[in-house]
């Protein structure tokens, strides 16, 4: 997710600094483009996914340390 977040951020800033965004004239499409691209929706989604992944890893490590018997038992039964 870090790569996705970084790449989407770089793409947005390169487009904004080089020539800006060109709109087609269709108001609905332009509004969607403005919200999604200029609003950095992809960057925000990458940041949220990154944080969710860290929460999952943290919980998994907590349960492995706090409840080691259940973790070993689960691994043997699979």
PDB file of N, CA and C in Angstrom:
ATOM      1  N   UNK A   1       0.804  -1.194   0.000  1.00  0.00           N
ATOM      2  CA  UNK A   1       0.000   0.000   0.000  1.00  0.00           C
ATOM      3  C   UNK A   1       0.853   1.265   0.000  1.00  0.00           C
ATOM      4  N   UNK A   2       2.056   1.165   0.565  1.00  0.00           N
ATOM      5  CA  UNK A   2       2.920   2.348   0.565  1.00  0.00           C
ATOM      6  C   UNK A   2       3.265   2.775  -0.857  1.00  0.00           C
ATOM      7  N   UNK A   3       3.538   1.802  -1.702  1.00  0.00           N
ATOM      8  CA  UNK A   3       3.871   2.108  -3.093  1.00  0.00           C
ATOM      9  C   UNK A   3       2.684   2.731  -3.812  1.00  0.00           C
ATOM     10  N   UNK A   4       1.494   2.188  -3.588  1.00  0.00           N
ATOM     11  CA  UNK A   4       0.279   2.728  -4.202  1.00  0.00           C
ATOM     12  C   UNK A   4       0.036   4.167  -3.757  1.00  0.00           C
ATOM     13  N   UNK A   5       0.178   4.410  -2.463  1.00  0.00           N
ATOM     14  CA  UNK A   5      -0.041   5.755  -1.925  1.00  0.00           C
ATOM     15  C   UNK A   5       0.979   6.741  -2.486  1.00  0.00           C
ATOM     16  N   UNK A   6       2.234   6.329  -2.495  1.00  0.00           N
ATOM     17  CA  UNK A   6       3.286   7.214  -3.006  1.00  0.00           C
ATOM     18  C   UNK A   6       3.115   7.482  -4.495  1.00  0.00           C
ATOM     19  N   UNK A   7       2.798   6.450  -5.255  1.00  0.00           N
ATOM     20  CA  UNK A   7       2.631   6.618  -6.701  1.00  0.00           C
ATOM     21  C   UNK A   7       1.450   7.526  -7.026  1.00  0.00           C
ATOM     22  N   UNK A   8       0.341   7.345  -6.324  1.00  0.00           N
ATOM     23  CA  UNK A   8      -0.809   8.203  -6.615  1.00  0.00           C
ATOM     24  C   UNK A   8      -0.538   9.649  -6.220  1.00  0.00           C
ATOM     25  N   UNK A   9       0.210   9.855  -5.150  1.00  0.00           N
ATOM     26  CA  UNK A   9       0.565  11.218  -4.755  1.00  0.00           C
ATOM     27  C   UNK A   9       1.485  11.858  -5.781  1.00  0.00           C
ATOM     28  N   UNK A  10       2.465  11.126  -6.248  1.00  0.00           N
ATOM     29  CA  UNK A  10       3.393  11.658  -7.249  1.00  0.00           C
ATOM     30  C   UNK A  10       2.658  11.990  -8.542  1.00  0.00           C
ATOM     31  N   UNK A  11       1.766  11.128  -8.972  1.00  0.00           N
ATOM     32  CA  UNK A  11       1.016  11.367 -10.215  1.00  0.00           C
ATOM     33  C   UNK A  11       0.176  12.639 -10.093  1.00  0.00           C
ATOM     34  N   UNK A  12      -0.483  12.826  -8.966  1.00  0.00           N
ATOM     35  CA  UNK A  12      -1.311  14.021  -8.771  1.00  0.00           C
ATOM     36  C   UNK A  12      -0.460  15.286  -8.816  1.00  0.00           C
ATOM     37  N   UNK A  13       0.670  15.282  -8.098  1.00  0.00           N
ATOM     38  CA  UNK A  13       1.488  16.496  -8.050  1.00  0.00           C
ATOM     39  C   UNK A  13       2.207  16.773  -9.363  1.00  0.00           C
ATOM     40  N   UNK A  14       2.612  15.737 -10.076  1.00  0.00           N
ATOM     41  CA  UNK A  14       3.242  15.954 -11.381  1.00  0.00           C
ATOM     42  C   UNK A  14       2.239  16.577 -12.336  1.00  0.00           C
ATOM     43  N   UNK A  15       1.020  16.069 -12.335  1.00  0.00           N
ATOM     44  CA  UNK A  15      -0.005  16.632 -13.223  1.00  0.00           C
ATOM     45  C   UNK A  15      -0.354  18.064 -12.840  1.00  0.00           C
ATOM     46  N   UNK A  16      -0.430  18.344 -11.549  1.00  0.00           N
ATOM     47  CA  UNK A  16      -0.788  19.693 -11.114  1.00  0.00           C
ATOM     48  C   UNK A  16       0.331  20.689 -11.386  1.00  0.00           C
ATOM     49  N   UNK A  17       1.579  20.274 -11.208  1.00  0.00           N
ATOM     50  CA  UNK A  17       2.690  21.205 -11.387  1.00  0.00           C
ATOM     51  C   UNK A  17       3.115  21.368 -12.846  1.00  0.00           C
ATOM     52  N   UNK A  18       2.860  20.361 -13.674  1.00  0.00           N
ATOM     53  CA  UNK A  18       3.315  20.453 -15.059  1.00  0.00           C
ATOM     54  C   UNK A  18       2.370  21.276 -15.931  1.00  0.00           C
ATOM     55  N   UNK A  19       1.128  20.908 -15.994  1.00  0.00           N
ATOM     56  CA  UNK A  19       0.202  21.604 -16.884  1.00  0.00           C
ATOM     57  C   UNK A  19      -1.148  21.846 -16.249  1.00  0.00           C
ATOM     58  N   UNK A  20      -1.372  21.275 -15.093  1.00  0.00           N
ATOM     59  CA  UNK A  20      -2.683  21.384 -14.470  1.00  0.00           C
ATOM     60  C   UNK A  20      -3.630  20.359 -15.060  1.00  0.00           C
ATOM     61  N   UNK A  21      -4.834  20.341 -14.598  1.00  0.00           N
ATOM     62  CA  UNK A  21      -5.825  19.405 -15.099  1.00  0.00           C
ATOM     63  C   UNK A  21      -6.695  20.110 -16.129  1.00  0.00           C
ATOM     64  N   UNK A  22      -6.958  19.430 -17.220  1.00  0.00           N
ATOM     65  CA  UNK A  22      -7.831  19.976 -18.261  1.00  0.00           C
ATOM     66  C   UNK A  22      -9.183  19.297 -18.180  1.00  0.00           C
ATOM     67  N   UNK A  23     -10.197  20.093 -18.176  1.00  0.00           N
ATOM     68  CA  UNK A  23     -11.545  19.565 -18.058  1.00  0.00           C
ATOM     69  C   UNK A  23     -12.207  19.534 -19.423  1.00  0.00           C
ATOM     70  N   UNK A  24     -13.135  18.577 -19.589  1.00  0.00           N
ATOM     71  CA  UNK A  24     -13.741  18.338 -20.895  1.00  0.00           C
ATOM     72  C   UNK A  24     -14.935  19.240 -21.189  1.00  0.00           C
ATOM     73  N   UNK A  25     -15.553  19.779 -20.174  1.00  0.00           N
ATOM     74  CA  UNK A  25     -16.728  20.611 -20.383  1.00  0.00           C
ATOM     75  C   UNK A  25     -17.992  19.952 -19.879  1.00  0.00           C
ATOM     76  N   UNK A  26     -17.969  18.632 -19.688  1.00  0.00           N
ATOM     77  CA  UNK A  26     -19.105  17.921 -19.122  1.00  0.00           C
ATOM     78  C   UNK A  26     -19.065  18.112 -17.608  1.00  0.00           C
ATOM     79  N   UNK A  27     -20.074  18.755 -17.060  1.00  0.00           N
ATOM     80  CA  UNK A  27     -20.028  19.161 -15.661  1.00  0.00           C
ATOM     81  C   UNK A  27     -19.986  17.967 -14.709  1.00  0.00           C
ATOM     82  N   UNK A  28     -20.736  16.913 -14.994  1.00  0.00           N
ATOM     83  CA  UNK A  28     -20.760  15.747 -14.107  1.00  0.00           C
ATOM     84  C   UNK A  28     -19.404  15.051 -14.104  1.00  0.00           C
ATOM     85  N   UNK A  29     -18.857  14.813 -15.286  1.00  0.00           N
ATOM     86  CA  UNK A  29     -17.550  14.151 -15.383  1.00  0.00           C
ATOM     87  C   UNK A  29     -16.456  15.014 -14.769  1.00  0.00           C
ATOM     88  N   UNK A  30     -16.526  16.301 -14.980  1.00  0.00           N
ATOM     89  CA  UNK A  30     -15.528  17.203 -14.408  1.00  0.00           C
ATOM     90  C   UNK A  30     -15.593  17.210 -12.877  1.00  0.00           C
ATOM     91  N   UNK A  31     -16.805  17.190 -12.331  1.00  0.00           N
ATOM     92  CA  UNK A  31     -16.945  17.164 -10.878  1.00  0.00           C
ATOM     93  C   UNK A  31     -16.415  15.862 -10.292  1.00  0.00           C
ATOM     94  N   UNK A  32     -16.707  14.746 -10.936  1.00  0.00           N
ATOM     95  CA  UNK A  32     -16.195  13.453 -10.466  1.00  0.00           C
ATOM     96  C   UNK A  32     -14.677  13.439 -10.536  1.00  0.00           C
ATOM     97  N   UNK A  33     -14.127  13.908 -11.643  1.00  0.00           N
ATOM     98  CA  UNK A  33     -12.675  13.960 -11.792  1.00  0.00           C
ATOM     99  C   UNK A  33     -12.044  14.848 -10.732  1.00  0.00           C
ATOM    100  N   UNK A  34     -12.669  15.972 -10.476  1.00  0.00           N
ATOM    101  CA  UNK A  34     -12.143  16.915  -9.486  1.00  0.00           C
ATOM    102  C   UNK A  34     -12.136  16.294  -8.095  1.00  0.00           C
ATOM    103  N   UNK A  35     -13.205  15.650  -7.712  1.00  0.00           N
ATOM    104  CA  UNK A  35     -13.285  15.050  -6.374  1.00  0.00           C
ATOM    105  C   UNK A  35     -12.315  13.892  -6.241  1.00  0.00           C
ATOM    106  N   UNK A  36     -12.248  13.033  -7.241  1.00  0.00           N
ATOM    107  CA  UNK A  36     -11.421  11.825  -7.141  1.00  0.00           C
ATOM    108  C   UNK A  36      -9.939  12.150  -7.280  1.00  0.00           C
ATOM    109  N   UNK A  37      -9.556  12.877  -8.289  1.00  0.00           N
ATOM    110  CA  UNK A  37      -8.130  13.095  -8.553  1.00  0.00           C
ATOM    111  C   UNK A  37      -7.586  14.256  -7.731  1.00  0.00           C
ATOM    112  N   UNK A  38      -8.191  15.398  -7.824  1.00  0.00           N
ATOM    113  CA  UNK A  38      -7.670  16.550  -7.088  1.00  0.00           C
ATOM    114  C   UNK A  38      -7.928  16.431  -5.596  1.00  0.00           C
ATOM    115  N   UNK A  39      -8.943  15.681  -5.221  1.00  0.00           N
ATOM    116  CA  UNK A  39      -9.219  15.462  -3.808  1.00  0.00           C
ATOM    117  C   UNK A  39      -8.361  14.371  -3.204  1.00  0.00           C
ATOM    118  N   UNK A  40      -7.526  13.738  -3.998  1.00  0.00           N
ATOM    119  CA  UNK A  40      -6.586  12.710  -3.548  1.00  0.00           C
ATOM    120  C   UNK A  40      -7.298  11.533  -2.890  1.00  0.00           C
ATOM    121  N   UNK A  41      -8.367  11.069  -3.508  1.00  0.00           N
ATOM    122  CA  UNK A  41      -9.114   9.930  -2.977  1.00  0.00           C
ATOM    123  C   UNK A  41      -8.238   8.680  -2.962  1.00  0.00           C
ATOM    124  N   UNK A  42      -7.461   8.458  -4.012  1.00  0.00           N
ATOM    125  CA  UNK A  42      -6.613   7.263  -4.072  1.00  0.00           C
ATOM    126  C   UNK A  42      -5.517   7.319  -3.008  1.00  0.00           C
ATOM    127  N   UNK A  43      -4.972   8.482  -2.781  1.00  0.00           N
ATOM    128  CA  UNK A  43      -3.957   8.633  -1.742  1.00  0.00           C
ATOM    129  C   UNK A  43      -4.563   8.374  -0.373  1.00  0.00           C
ATOM    130  N   UNK A  44      -5.725   8.913  -0.119  1.00  0.00           N
ATOM    131  CA  UNK A  44      -6.390   8.701   1.175  1.00  0.00           C
ATOM    132  C   UNK A  44      -6.750   7.234   1.363  1.00  0.00           C
ATOM    133  N   UNK A  45      -7.213   6.575   0.313  1.00  0.00           N
ATOM    134  CA  UNK A  45      -7.543   5.149   0.415  1.00  0.00           C
ATOM    135  C   UNK A  45      -6.291   4.327   0.721  1.00  0.00           C
ATOM    136  N   UNK A  46      -5.171   4.696   0.136  1.00  0.00           N
ATOM    137  CA  UNK A  46      -3.921   4.000   0.423  1.00  0.00           C
ATOM    138  C   UNK A  46      -3.468   4.200   1.854  1.00  0.00           C
ATOM    139  N   UNK A  47      -3.632   5.399   2.378  1.00  0.00           N
ATOM    140  CA  UNK A  47      -3.250   5.677   3.765  1.00  0.00           C
ATOM    141  C   UNK A  47      -4.131   4.896   4.731  1.00  0.00           C
ATOM    142  N   UNK A  48      -5.429   4.861   4.470  1.00  0.00           N
ATOM    143  CA  UNK A  48      -6.349   4.121   5.333  1.00  0.00           C
ATOM    144  C   UNK A  48      -6.051   2.623   5.278  1.00  0.00           C
ATOM    145  N   UNK A  49      -5.785   2.094   4.104  1.00  0.00           N
ATOM    146  CA  UNK A  49      -5.459   0.674   3.972  1.00  0.00           C
ATOM    147  C   UNK A  49      -4.153   0.342   4.680  1.00  0.00           C
ATOM    148  N   UNK A  50      -3.196   1.245   4.615  1.00  0.00           N
ATOM    149  CA  UNK A  50      -1.927   1.046   5.298  1.00  0.00           C
ATOM    150  C   UNK A  50      -2.135   0.984   6.809  1.00  0.00           C
ATOM    151  N   UNK A  51      -2.934   1.897   7.343  1.00  0.00           N
ATOM    152  CA  UNK A  51      -3.212   1.897   8.778  1.00  0.00           C
ATOM    153  C   UNK A  51      -3.992   0.653   9.193  1.00  0.00           C
ATOM    154  N   UNK A  52      -4.936   0.231   8.382  1.00  0.00           N
ATOM    155  CA  UNK A  52      -5.703  -0.979   8.700  1.00  0.00           C
ATOM    156  C   UNK A  52      -4.789  -2.204   8.716  1.00  0.00           C
ATOM    157  N   UNK A  53      -3.850  -2.258   7.804  1.00  0.00           N
ATOM    158  CA  UNK A  53      -2.889  -3.359   7.798  1.00  0.00           C
ATOM    159  C   UNK A  53      -2.037  -3.380   9.051  1.00  0.00           C
ATOM    160  N   UNK A  54      -1.621  -2.208   9.513  1.00  0.00           N
ATOM    161  CA  UNK A  54      -0.842  -2.137  10.747  1.00  0.00           C
ATOM    162  C   UNK A  54      -1.662  -2.564  11.953  1.00  0.00           C
ATOM    163  N   UNK A  55      -2.944  -2.252  11.971  1.00  0.00           N
ATOM    164  CA  UNK A  55      -3.812  -2.676  13.068  1.00  0.00           C
ATOM    165  C   UNK A  55      -3.932  -4.195  13.073  1.00  0.00           C
ATOM    166  N   UNK A  56      -4.108  -4.800  11.918  1.00  0.00           N
ATOM    167  CA  UNK A  56      -4.212  -6.257  11.829  1.00  0.00           C
ATOM    168  C   UNK A  56      -2.929  -6.929  12.301  1.00  0.00           C
ATOM    169  N   UNK A  57      -1.800  -6.421  11.877  1.00  0.00           N
ATOM    170  CA  UNK A  57      -0.511  -6.985  12.302  1.00  0.00           C
ATOM    171  C   UNK A  57      -0.329  -6.834  13.810  1.00  0.00           C
ATOM    172  N   UNK A  58      -0.694  -5.683  14.355  1.00  0.00           N
ATOM    173  CA  UNK A  58      -0.573  -5.450  15.794  1.00  0.00           C
ATOM    174  C   UNK A  58      -1.455  -6.407  16.587  1.00  0.00           C
ATOM    175  N   UNK A  59      -2.700  -6.584  16.157  1.00  0.00           N
ATOM    176  CA  UNK A  59      -3.598  -7.502  16.849  1.00  0.00           C
ATOM    177  C   UNK A  59      -3.101  -8.942  16.767  1.00  0.00           C
ATOM    178  N   UNK A  60      -2.602  -9.330  15.614  1.00  0.00           N
ATOM    179  CA  UNK A  60      -2.094 -10.688  15.449  1.00  0.00           C
ATOM    180  C   UNK A  60      -0.908 -10.934  16.381  1.00  0.00           C
ATOM    181  N   UNK A  61      -0.010  -9.989  16.477  1.00  0.00           N
ATOM    182  CA  UNK A  61       1.142 -10.137  17.371  1.00  0.00           C
ATOM    183  C   UNK A  61       0.712 -10.122  18.830  1.00  0.00           C
ATOM    184  N   UNK A  62      -0.254  -9.310  19.177  1.00  0.00           N
ATOM    185  CA  UNK A  62      -0.756  -9.280  20.553  1.00  0.00           C
ATOM    186  C   UNK A  62      -1.318 -10.642  20.941  1.00  0.00           C
ATOM    187  N   UNK A  63      -2.167 -11.211  20.094  1.00  0.00           N
ATOM    188  CA  UNK A  63      -2.775 -12.490  20.425  1.00  0.00           C
ATOM    189  C   UNK A  63      -1.759 -13.623  20.436  1.00  0.00           C
ATOM    190  N   UNK A  64      -0.729 -13.527  19.631  1.00  0.00           N
ATOM    191  CA  UNK A  64       0.335 -14.535  19.668  1.00  0.00           C
ATOM    192  C   UNK A  64       1.094 -14.476  20.986  1.00  0.00           C
ATOM    193  N   UNK A  65       1.301 -13.287  21.535  1.00  0.00           N
ATOM    194  CA  UNK A  65       2.053 -13.144  22.778  1.00  0.00           C
ATOM    195  C   UNK A  65       1.150 -13.366  23.999  1.00  0.00           C
ATOM    196  N   UNK A  66      -0.039 -12.792  23.997  1.00  0.00           N
ATOM    197  CA  UNK A  66      -0.933 -12.875  25.149  1.00  0.00           C
ATOM    198  C   UNK A  66      -1.578 -14.247  25.295  1.00  0.00           C
ATOM    199  N   UNK A  67      -1.790 -14.947  24.211  1.00  0.00           N
ATOM    200  CA  UNK A  67      -2.442 -16.255  24.229  1.00  0.00           C
ATOM    201  C   UNK A  67      -1.634 -17.254  23.408  1.00  0.00           C
ATOM    202  N   UNK A  68      -0.442 -17.617  23.854  1.00  0.00           N
ATOM    203  CA  UNK A  68       0.424 -18.472  23.032  1.00  0.00           C
ATOM    204  C   UNK A  68      -0.115 -19.896  22.862  1.00  0.00           C
ATOM    205  N   UNK A  69      -0.832 -20.411  23.849  1.00  0.00           N
ATOM    206  CA  UNK A  69      -1.367 -21.783  23.738  1.00  0.00           C
ATOM    207  C   UNK A  69      -2.408 -21.895  22.643  1.00  0.00           C
ATOM    208  N   UNK A  70      -3.285 -20.937  22.550  1.00  0.00           N
ATOM    209  CA  UNK A  70      -4.328 -20.980  21.527  1.00  0.00           C
ATOM    210  C   UNK A  70      -3.727 -20.840  20.135  1.00  0.00           C
ATOM    211  N   UNK A  71      -2.693 -20.023  20.034  1.00  0.00           N
ATOM    212  CA  UNK A  71      -2.059 -19.847  18.736  1.00  0.00           C
ATOM    213  C   UNK A  71      -1.376 -21.131  18.282  1.00  0.00           C
ATOM    214  N   UNK A  72      -0.667 -21.807  19.181  1.00  0.00           N
ATOM    215  CA  UNK A  72       0.007 -23.058  18.836  1.00  0.00           C
ATOM    216  C   UNK A  72      -1.012 -24.139  18.544  1.00  0.00           C
ATOM    217  N   UNK A  73      -2.090 -24.188  19.304  1.00  0.00           N
ATOM    218  CA  UNK A  73      -3.143 -25.182  19.087  1.00  0.00           C
ATOM    219  C   UNK A  73      -3.799 -24.969  17.726  1.00  0.00           C
ATOM    220  N   UNK A  74      -4.028 -23.733  17.361  1.00  0.00           N
ATOM    221  CA  UNK A  74      -4.640 -23.428  16.061  1.00  0.00           C
ATOM    222  C   UNK A  74      -3.726 -23.849  14.917  1.00  0.00           C
ATOM    223  N   UNK A  75      -2.429 -23.642  15.089  1.00  0.00           N
ATOM    224  CA  UNK A  75      -1.477 -24.013  14.037  1.00  0.00           C
ATOM    225  C   UNK A  75      -1.385 -25.527  13.874  1.00  0.00           C
ATOM    226  N   UNK A  76      -1.492 -26.295  14.968  1.00  0.00           N
ATOM    227  CA  UNK A  76      -1.421 -27.757  14.879  1.00  0.00           C
ATOM    228  C   UNK A  76      -2.665 -28.341  14.239  1.00  0.00           C
ATOM    229  N   UNK A  77      -3.813 -27.733  14.443  1.00  0.00           N
ATOM    230  CA  UNK A  77      -5.055 -28.289  13.899  1.00  0.00           C
ATOM    231  C   UNK A  77      -5.225 -28.010  12.422  1.00  0.00           C
ATOM    232  N   UNK A  78      -4.488 -27.059  11.851  1.00  0.00           N
ATOM    233  CA  UNK A  78      -4.665 -26.724  10.443  1.00  0.00           C
ATOM    234  C   UNK A  78      -3.890 -27.606   9.532  1.00  0.00           C
TER     235      UNK A  78
END
